[in-house]
C-alpha cells in the first residue's frame, strides 16, 4: 500500500511524537551531536538517508532563531539554483518546521522533514551551501553552528503503515 501525499504529514507527526519520546528516554550523548561534530563527520561520509524518509531535529538558541532561519533561506536558494538534478529533488521533499512548543532546555525546535528521501543524495547542509556560495560558506556555517543550543538528532524513517489508505 503506497501512502498518498496528504497522509504523509500526519504520519510524520506521529514519527515526531515517537522520536520526542525516544529522545527524552535516552541520554543526550547517545543520540545528539553538535552541528560542528555532525557536519565534520558528514563531510567525510555525507548525510545520506538510507530510508524512505527522514527527519532532523534541530535545537536552536532562542536568541539565534533569526540567524538559523537566514541560513535556511540560503539553503533554499542553494537547492533552487543548483544545476544538479538531485538537489532539486531534495528541495521538493525537504520542509522546515518550527515547533510552537519550547524545545529541550528552552531551545526552539526546528524540524527538517525529508519525504521522500532522495536515495544516495548528500543532505549535509555545509556541502550544499559550499556548492552554491563558496565565498560565503565559512560565515554561513559559523552562523549555522553558533545557533545550536543542543545539537541535532537524525532519524531515518521507514513507512510501516499508511493509515489513511
N, C-alpha and C. Protein backbone atom coordinates (compact mmCIF):
# COMPACT_ATOMS: atom_id res chain seq x y z
N UNK A 1 0.84 -1.15 0.00
CA UNK A 1 0.00 0.00 0.00
C UNK A 1 0.89 1.23 0.00
N UNK A 2 0.74 2.08 -1.01
CA UNK A 2 1.57 3.28 -1.14
C UNK A 2 0.87 4.45 -0.47
N UNK A 3 1.60 5.23 0.37
CA UNK A 3 0.97 6.36 1.03
C UNK A 3 0.64 7.46 0.05
N UNK A 4 -0.42 8.18 0.33
CA UNK A 4 -0.76 9.33 -0.50
C UNK A 4 -0.02 10.54 0.03
N UNK A 5 0.11 11.54 -0.80
CA UNK A 5 0.85 12.75 -0.41
C UNK A 5 0.22 13.40 0.81
N UNK A 6 -1.11 13.46 0.89
CA UNK A 6 -1.78 14.11 2.00
C UNK A 6 -1.62 13.38 3.31
N UNK A 7 -1.44 12.08 3.27
CA UNK A 7 -1.35 11.30 4.52
C UNK A 7 0.03 11.38 5.14
N UNK A 8 1.01 11.85 4.44
CA UNK A 8 2.38 11.86 4.95
C UNK A 8 2.56 12.84 6.10
N UNK A 9 1.86 13.96 6.09
CA UNK A 9 2.05 14.94 7.15
C UNK A 9 1.64 14.36 8.49
N UNK A 10 0.49 13.73 8.55
CA UNK A 10 0.05 13.09 9.79
C UNK A 10 1.00 12.00 10.22
N UNK A 11 1.48 11.26 9.26
CA UNK A 11 2.43 10.16 9.50
C UNK A 11 3.71 10.71 10.08
N UNK A 12 4.18 11.87 9.56
CA UNK A 12 5.40 12.48 10.07
C UNK A 12 5.16 13.01 11.49
N UNK A 13 3.96 13.50 11.77
CA UNK A 13 3.66 13.97 13.12
C UNK A 13 3.75 12.86 14.13
N UNK A 14 3.22 11.68 13.77
CA UNK A 14 3.32 10.52 14.65
C UNK A 14 4.80 10.17 14.86
N UNK A 15 5.58 10.22 13.79
CA UNK A 15 7.01 9.95 13.91
C UNK A 15 7.70 10.94 14.81
N UNK A 16 7.32 12.21 14.71
CA UNK A 16 7.93 13.24 15.55
C UNK A 16 7.61 12.99 17.01
N UNK A 17 6.36 12.64 17.30
CA UNK A 17 6.00 12.35 18.69
C UNK A 17 6.76 11.15 19.23
N UNK A 18 6.87 10.11 18.42
CA UNK A 18 7.62 8.92 18.84
C UNK A 18 9.08 9.25 19.05
N UNK A 19 9.63 10.06 18.18
CA UNK A 19 11.03 10.46 18.31
C UNK A 19 11.24 11.28 19.57
N UNK A 20 10.33 12.20 19.85
CA UNK A 20 10.45 13.01 21.06
C UNK A 20 10.43 12.13 22.30
N UNK A 21 9.59 11.11 22.29
CA UNK A 21 9.55 10.18 23.43
C UNK A 21 10.87 9.43 23.56
N UNK A 22 11.43 9.01 22.44
CA UNK A 22 12.72 8.32 22.49
C UNK A 22 13.83 9.24 22.98
N UNK A 23 13.81 10.49 22.54
CA UNK A 23 14.83 11.44 22.94
C UNK A 23 14.81 11.64 24.45
N UNK A 24 13.63 11.79 25.01
CA UNK A 24 13.57 12.02 26.44
C UNK A 24 13.94 10.79 27.24
N UNK A 25 13.85 9.60 26.65
CA UNK A 25 14.19 8.37 27.35
C UNK A 25 15.66 8.02 27.29
N UNK A 26 16.41 8.62 26.37
CA UNK A 26 17.83 8.31 26.19
C UNK A 26 18.72 9.37 26.80
N UNK A 27 19.97 9.01 27.04
CA UNK A 27 20.91 10.03 27.50
C UNK A 27 21.29 10.90 26.32
N UNK A 28 21.53 12.19 26.53
CA UNK A 28 21.83 13.09 25.41
C UNK A 28 23.03 12.67 24.58
N UNK A 29 24.06 12.11 25.19
CA UNK A 29 25.23 11.73 24.42
C UNK A 29 24.96 10.60 23.44
N UNK A 30 23.95 9.78 23.69
CA UNK A 30 23.75 8.61 22.85
C UNK A 30 23.09 8.94 21.52
N UNK A 31 22.41 10.10 21.41
CA UNK A 31 21.68 10.35 20.18
C UNK A 31 21.75 11.77 19.67
N UNK A 32 22.45 12.63 20.33
CA UNK A 32 22.53 14.03 19.92
C UNK A 32 23.97 14.39 19.62
N UNK A 33 24.16 15.20 18.60
CA UNK A 33 25.50 15.69 18.32
C UNK A 33 25.43 17.16 17.98
N UNK A 34 26.52 17.84 18.19
CA UNK A 34 26.56 19.25 17.83
C UNK A 34 26.65 19.36 16.32
N UNK A 35 26.21 20.46 15.74
CA UNK A 35 26.31 20.59 14.29
C UNK A 35 27.75 20.52 13.81
N UNK A 36 28.68 21.07 14.59
CA UNK A 36 30.09 21.02 14.16
C UNK A 36 30.57 19.57 14.08
N UNK A 37 30.25 18.77 15.08
CA UNK A 37 30.65 17.36 15.06
C UNK A 37 29.91 16.61 13.97
N UNK A 38 28.61 16.89 13.82
CA UNK A 38 27.83 16.22 12.78
C UNK A 38 28.34 16.57 11.40
N UNK A 39 28.53 17.86 11.16
CA UNK A 39 28.97 18.31 9.84
C UNK A 39 30.38 17.81 9.54
N UNK A 40 31.25 17.77 10.55
CA UNK A 40 32.60 17.27 10.34
C UNK A 40 32.56 15.80 9.93
N UNK A 41 31.76 15.01 10.65
CA UNK A 41 31.62 13.60 10.30
C UNK A 41 30.94 13.45 8.94
N UNK A 42 29.92 14.28 8.70
CA UNK A 42 29.19 14.21 7.44
C UNK A 42 30.07 14.59 6.26
N UNK A 43 30.97 15.53 6.47
CA UNK A 43 31.85 15.94 5.38
C UNK A 43 32.67 14.76 4.90
N UNK A 44 32.99 13.84 5.82
CA UNK A 44 33.75 12.66 5.44
C UNK A 44 32.85 11.62 4.77
N UNK A 45 31.65 11.41 5.34
CA UNK A 45 30.79 10.33 4.85
C UNK A 45 29.54 10.82 4.15
N UNK A 46 29.16 12.07 4.34
CA UNK A 46 27.94 12.60 3.77
C UNK A 46 26.73 12.21 4.59
N UNK A 47 25.75 13.10 4.65
CA UNK A 47 24.50 12.81 5.34
C UNK A 47 23.55 12.26 4.28
N UNK A 48 23.49 10.94 4.20
CA UNK A 48 22.65 10.25 3.23
C UNK A 48 21.61 9.47 4.01
N UNK A 49 20.34 9.72 3.72
CA UNK A 49 19.29 8.96 4.38
C UNK A 49 19.15 7.61 3.68
N UNK A 50 19.24 6.56 4.46
CA UNK A 50 19.14 5.20 3.92
C UNK A 50 17.76 4.62 4.12
N UNK A 51 16.75 5.45 3.95
CA UNK A 51 15.38 5.02 4.21
C UNK A 51 14.43 5.77 3.29
N UNK A 52 13.14 5.52 3.50
CA UNK A 52 12.11 6.16 2.68
C UNK A 52 12.02 7.66 2.94
N UNK A 53 12.21 8.02 4.20
CA UNK A 53 12.06 9.42 4.62
C UNK A 53 12.98 9.66 5.81
N UNK A 54 13.09 10.91 6.21
CA UNK A 54 13.93 11.22 7.36
C UNK A 54 13.50 12.50 8.03
N UNK A 55 14.00 12.67 9.24
CA UNK A 55 13.77 13.89 10.00
C UNK A 55 15.08 14.29 10.64
N UNK A 56 15.26 15.59 10.79
CA UNK A 56 16.37 16.12 11.56
C UNK A 56 15.76 17.08 12.56
N UNK A 57 16.02 16.83 13.83
CA UNK A 57 15.55 17.70 14.90
C UNK A 57 16.70 18.65 15.24
N UNK A 58 16.44 19.94 15.17
CA UNK A 58 17.45 20.97 15.40
C UNK A 58 17.04 21.80 16.61
N UNK A 59 17.88 21.81 17.64
CA UNK A 59 17.60 22.53 18.88
C UNK A 59 18.38 23.84 18.85
N UNK A 60 17.65 24.95 18.69
CA UNK A 60 18.25 26.26 18.40
C UNK A 60 18.09 27.21 19.59
N UNK A 61 19.13 28.01 19.84
CA UNK A 61 19.08 29.03 20.90
C UNK A 61 17.99 30.04 20.54
N UNK A 62 17.13 30.39 21.50
CA UNK A 62 16.04 31.33 21.19
C UNK A 62 16.52 32.65 20.59
N UNK A 63 17.65 33.15 21.03
CA UNK A 63 18.16 34.43 20.52
C UNK A 63 18.85 34.30 19.16
N UNK A 64 18.96 33.06 18.65
CA UNK A 64 19.64 32.82 17.38
C UNK A 64 18.70 32.31 16.28
N UNK A 65 17.38 32.37 16.52
CA UNK A 65 16.45 31.85 15.51
C UNK A 65 16.54 32.62 14.19
N UNK A 66 16.74 33.93 14.26
CA UNK A 66 16.85 34.71 13.02
C UNK A 66 18.08 34.27 12.23
N UNK A 67 19.19 34.00 12.90
CA UNK A 67 20.40 33.52 12.22
C UNK A 67 20.14 32.17 11.57
N UNK A 68 19.51 31.26 12.31
CA UNK A 68 19.22 29.93 11.78
C UNK A 68 18.31 30.03 10.55
N UNK A 69 17.27 30.83 10.67
CA UNK A 69 16.33 30.98 9.55
C UNK A 69 16.98 31.65 8.35
N UNK A 70 17.94 32.53 8.57
CA UNK A 70 18.67 33.15 7.46
C UNK A 70 19.50 32.09 6.72
N UNK A 71 20.11 31.18 7.46
CA UNK A 71 20.88 30.10 6.82
C UNK A 71 19.93 29.16 6.08
N UNK A 72 18.77 28.88 6.65
CA UNK A 72 17.78 28.04 5.96
C UNK A 72 17.35 28.71 4.66
N UNK A 73 17.19 30.02 4.66
CA UNK A 73 16.84 30.74 3.42
C UNK A 73 17.95 30.59 2.37
N UNK A 74 19.20 30.67 2.81
CA UNK A 74 20.33 30.46 1.88
C UNK A 74 20.36 29.02 1.38
N UNK A 75 20.03 28.06 2.25
CA UNK A 75 19.95 26.66 1.85
C UNK A 75 18.88 26.49 0.78
N UNK A 76 17.74 27.13 0.96
CA UNK A 76 16.68 27.11 -0.05
C UNK A 76 17.21 27.63 -1.39
N UNK A 77 17.88 28.78 -1.34
CA UNK A 77 18.45 29.37 -2.56
C UNK A 77 19.45 28.42 -3.21
N UNK A 78 20.29 27.81 -2.39
CA UNK A 78 21.32 26.89 -2.92
C UNK A 78 20.68 25.70 -3.62
N UNK A 79 19.64 25.14 -3.02
CA UNK A 79 18.97 23.99 -3.64
C UNK A 79 18.27 24.40 -4.94
N UNK A 80 17.65 25.57 -4.95
CA UNK A 80 16.91 26.03 -6.13
C UNK A 80 17.82 26.40 -7.30
N UNK A 81 18.99 26.94 -7.01
CA UNK A 81 19.87 27.39 -8.10
C UNK A 81 20.83 26.30 -8.58
N UNK A 82 20.85 25.17 -7.91
CA UNK A 82 21.79 24.10 -8.28
C UNK A 82 21.49 23.54 -9.66
N UNK A 83 22.56 23.20 -10.38
CA UNK A 83 22.43 22.54 -11.68
C UNK A 83 22.28 21.02 -11.52
N UNK A 84 22.47 20.53 -10.31
CA UNK A 84 22.38 19.10 -10.06
C UNK A 84 20.92 18.68 -9.90
N UNK A 85 20.44 17.73 -10.69
CA UNK A 85 19.04 17.32 -10.61
C UNK A 85 18.65 16.79 -9.22
N UNK A 86 19.59 16.12 -8.54
CA UNK A 86 19.24 15.57 -7.22
C UNK A 86 19.00 16.68 -6.19
N UNK A 87 19.62 17.84 -6.38
CA UNK A 87 19.39 18.95 -5.45
C UNK A 87 17.95 19.46 -5.57
N UNK A 88 17.44 19.54 -6.79
CA UNK A 88 16.04 19.97 -6.97
C UNK A 88 15.08 18.92 -6.42
N UNK A 89 15.43 17.64 -6.56
CA UNK A 89 14.62 16.57 -5.97
C UNK A 89 14.63 16.69 -4.45
N UNK A 90 15.81 16.97 -3.88
CA UNK A 90 15.89 17.15 -2.44
C UNK A 90 14.99 18.30 -1.99
N UNK A 91 15.06 19.42 -2.69
CA UNK A 91 14.26 20.59 -2.33
C UNK A 91 12.76 20.26 -2.35
N UNK A 92 12.34 19.46 -3.31
CA UNK A 92 10.92 19.12 -3.43
C UNK A 92 10.39 18.35 -2.22
N UNK A 93 11.24 17.56 -1.58
CA UNK A 93 10.78 16.76 -0.46
C UNK A 93 11.24 17.26 0.90
N UNK A 94 11.93 18.40 0.96
CA UNK A 94 12.52 18.91 2.20
C UNK A 94 11.71 20.09 2.70
N UNK A 95 11.17 19.95 3.90
CA UNK A 95 10.41 21.03 4.52
C UNK A 95 11.03 21.34 5.88
N UNK A 96 10.88 22.58 6.30
CA UNK A 96 11.40 23.02 7.59
C UNK A 96 10.23 23.56 8.41
N UNK A 97 10.05 22.99 9.60
CA UNK A 97 9.00 23.41 10.51
C UNK A 97 9.62 23.97 11.79
N UNK A 98 8.91 24.90 12.40
CA UNK A 98 9.29 25.43 13.72
C UNK A 98 8.19 25.03 14.70
N UNK A 99 8.57 24.36 15.78
CA UNK A 99 7.60 23.92 16.77
C UNK A 99 7.04 25.12 17.53
N UNK A 100 5.77 25.06 17.85
CA UNK A 100 5.13 26.09 18.66
C UNK A 100 5.54 25.96 20.13
N UNK A 101 5.76 24.73 20.57
CA UNK A 101 6.14 24.47 21.94
C UNK A 101 7.64 24.63 22.11
N UNK A 102 8.07 25.02 23.32
CA UNK A 102 9.52 25.13 23.55
C UNK A 102 10.19 23.77 23.48
N UNK A 103 11.44 23.77 23.03
CA UNK A 103 12.23 22.54 22.97
C UNK A 103 12.94 22.29 24.28
N UNK A 104 13.81 21.31 24.28
CA UNK A 104 14.57 20.94 25.47
C UNK A 104 15.36 22.12 25.99
N UNK A 105 15.35 22.31 27.30
CA UNK A 105 16.11 23.37 27.98
C UNK A 105 15.83 24.76 27.42
N UNK A 106 14.58 25.00 26.99
CA UNK A 106 14.20 26.32 26.50
C UNK A 106 14.61 26.61 25.07
N UNK A 107 15.15 25.63 24.38
CA UNK A 107 15.55 25.84 22.99
C UNK A 107 14.31 25.95 22.10
N UNK A 108 14.54 26.35 20.86
CA UNK A 108 13.48 26.39 19.86
C UNK A 108 13.73 25.21 18.93
N UNK A 109 12.72 24.38 18.75
CA UNK A 109 12.85 23.18 17.94
C UNK A 109 12.45 23.45 16.50
N UNK A 110 13.39 23.20 15.59
CA UNK A 110 13.12 23.23 14.16
C UNK A 110 13.24 21.79 13.66
N UNK A 111 12.30 21.39 12.83
CA UNK A 111 12.28 20.02 12.31
C UNK A 111 12.41 20.06 10.80
N UNK A 112 13.43 19.38 10.28
CA UNK A 112 13.52 19.16 8.83
C UNK A 112 12.79 17.85 8.57
N UNK A 113 11.81 17.88 7.67
CA UNK A 113 11.20 16.63 7.22
C UNK A 113 11.67 16.40 5.79
N UNK A 114 12.08 15.21 5.52
CA UNK A 114 12.56 14.83 4.19
C UNK A 114 11.72 13.66 3.74
N UNK A 115 10.78 13.91 2.83
CA UNK A 115 9.85 12.88 2.38
C UNK A 115 9.39 13.17 0.97
N UNK A 116 9.84 12.40 0.02
CA UNK A 116 10.71 11.23 0.17
C UNK A 116 12.18 11.65 0.24
N UNK A 117 12.97 10.78 0.82
CA UNK A 117 14.42 10.98 0.81
C UNK A 117 14.94 10.59 -0.56
N UNK A 118 15.84 11.40 -1.10
CA UNK A 118 16.44 11.09 -2.40
C UNK A 118 17.58 10.10 -2.15
N UNK A 119 17.43 8.93 -2.69
CA UNK A 119 18.41 7.86 -2.48
C UNK A 119 19.79 8.28 -2.95
N UNK A 120 20.78 8.16 -2.06
CA UNK A 120 22.16 8.46 -2.40
C UNK A 120 22.54 9.92 -2.39
N UNK A 121 21.57 10.82 -2.16
CA UNK A 121 21.87 12.26 -2.15
C UNK A 121 22.42 12.69 -0.80
N UNK A 122 23.38 13.58 -0.83
CA UNK A 122 24.02 14.11 0.38
C UNK A 122 23.21 15.30 0.89
N UNK A 123 22.73 15.21 2.13
CA UNK A 123 21.95 16.27 2.75
C UNK A 123 22.78 17.13 3.70
N UNK A 124 24.09 17.04 3.65
CA UNK A 124 24.95 17.84 4.52
C UNK A 124 24.78 19.32 4.18
N UNK A 125 24.29 20.09 5.13
CA UNK A 125 23.98 21.50 4.89
C UNK A 125 25.21 22.26 4.41
N UNK A 126 26.35 22.07 5.06
CA UNK A 126 27.55 22.81 4.66
C UNK A 126 28.00 22.47 3.24
N UNK A 127 27.82 21.24 2.82
CA UNK A 127 28.19 20.84 1.46
C UNK A 127 27.31 21.54 0.43
N UNK A 128 26.01 21.58 0.70
CA UNK A 128 25.07 22.22 -0.22
C UNK A 128 25.36 23.72 -0.30
N UNK A 129 25.61 24.35 0.85
CA UNK A 129 25.92 25.78 0.86
C UNK A 129 27.23 26.07 0.13
N UNK A 130 28.23 25.20 0.32
CA UNK A 130 29.53 25.40 -0.32
C UNK A 130 29.42 25.32 -1.84
N UNK A 131 28.54 24.47 -2.34
CA UNK A 131 28.36 24.35 -3.80
C UNK A 131 27.83 25.65 -4.40
N UNK A 132 26.91 26.29 -3.71
CA UNK A 132 26.26 27.48 -4.25
C UNK A 132 26.95 28.78 -3.85
N UNK A 133 27.54 28.79 -2.66
CA UNK A 133 28.11 30.02 -2.11
C UNK A 133 29.52 29.77 -1.58
N UNK A 134 30.45 29.41 -2.44
CA UNK A 134 31.79 29.06 -1.95
C UNK A 134 32.49 30.17 -1.19
N UNK A 135 32.26 31.42 -1.56
CA UNK A 135 32.94 32.51 -0.86
C UNK A 135 32.24 32.88 0.46
N UNK A 136 31.02 32.46 0.65
CA UNK A 136 30.25 32.79 1.85
C UNK A 136 30.14 31.63 2.83
N UNK A 137 30.54 30.43 2.42
CA UNK A 137 30.22 29.24 3.21
C UNK A 137 30.78 29.28 4.63
N UNK A 138 31.96 29.82 4.82
CA UNK A 138 32.52 29.84 6.17
C UNK A 138 31.68 30.71 7.12
N UNK A 139 31.29 31.87 6.67
CA UNK A 139 30.45 32.74 7.51
C UNK A 139 29.08 32.13 7.73
N UNK A 140 28.51 31.53 6.68
CA UNK A 140 27.21 30.88 6.82
C UNK A 140 27.28 29.72 7.81
N UNK A 141 28.32 28.92 7.68
CA UNK A 141 28.45 27.77 8.57
C UNK A 141 28.66 28.22 10.02
N UNK A 142 29.44 29.27 10.23
CA UNK A 142 29.66 29.77 11.60
C UNK A 142 28.33 30.23 12.19
N UNK A 143 27.55 30.95 11.43
CA UNK A 143 26.24 31.40 11.91
C UNK A 143 25.34 30.21 12.21
N UNK A 144 25.36 29.23 11.34
CA UNK A 144 24.57 27.99 11.49
C UNK A 144 25.00 27.24 12.76
N UNK A 145 26.28 27.00 12.92
CA UNK A 145 26.78 26.24 14.06
C UNK A 145 26.55 26.99 15.37
N UNK A 146 26.74 28.31 15.36
CA UNK A 146 26.57 29.11 16.58
C UNK A 146 25.11 29.20 17.03
N UNK A 147 24.18 28.88 16.15
CA UNK A 147 22.76 28.98 16.51
C UNK A 147 22.27 27.79 17.34
N UNK A 148 23.04 26.71 17.38
CA UNK A 148 22.59 25.48 18.05
C UNK A 148 22.74 25.55 19.55
N UNK A 149 21.67 25.15 20.25
CA UNK A 149 21.67 25.07 21.70
C UNK A 149 22.03 23.67 22.17
N UNK A 150 21.52 22.67 21.48
CA UNK A 150 21.70 21.30 21.97
C UNK A 150 21.94 20.27 20.89
N UNK A 151 22.35 20.67 19.73
CA UNK A 151 22.69 19.71 18.70
C UNK A 151 21.53 19.32 17.81
N UNK A 152 21.73 18.18 17.16
CA UNK A 152 20.77 17.67 16.18
C UNK A 152 20.52 16.19 16.44
N UNK A 153 19.35 15.74 16.02
CA UNK A 153 19.02 14.33 16.03
C UNK A 153 18.61 13.96 14.61
N UNK A 154 19.24 12.94 14.06
CA UNK A 154 18.90 12.43 12.73
C UNK A 154 18.09 11.17 12.89
N UNK A 155 17.00 11.09 12.12
CA UNK A 155 16.11 9.94 12.22
C UNK A 155 15.81 9.44 10.81
N UNK A 156 16.16 8.19 10.53
CA UNK A 156 15.77 7.54 9.29
C UNK A 156 14.42 6.88 9.53
N UNK A 157 13.47 7.11 8.64
CA UNK A 157 12.12 6.60 8.81
C UNK A 157 11.77 5.62 7.69
N UNK A 158 11.16 4.53 8.07
CA UNK A 158 10.67 3.54 7.12
C UNK A 158 9.18 3.41 7.33
N UNK A 159 8.40 3.57 6.28
CA UNK A 159 6.95 3.51 6.36
C UNK A 159 6.51 2.11 6.78
N UNK A 160 5.74 2.06 7.83
CA UNK A 160 5.19 0.80 8.32
C UNK A 160 3.75 0.66 7.84
N UNK A 161 3.00 1.75 7.91
CA UNK A 161 1.60 1.70 7.52
C UNK A 161 1.12 3.09 7.18
N UNK A 162 0.36 3.21 6.12
CA UNK A 162 -0.30 4.46 5.76
C UNK A 162 -1.74 4.32 6.23
N UNK A 163 -2.06 4.91 7.35
CA UNK A 163 -3.35 4.69 8.00
C UNK A 163 -4.51 5.29 7.24
N UNK A 164 -4.27 6.20 6.33
CA UNK A 164 -5.33 6.80 5.55
C UNK A 164 -5.68 6.04 4.28
N UNK A 165 -4.89 5.02 3.96
CA UNK A 165 -5.15 4.25 2.72
C UNK A 165 -5.99 3.04 3.00
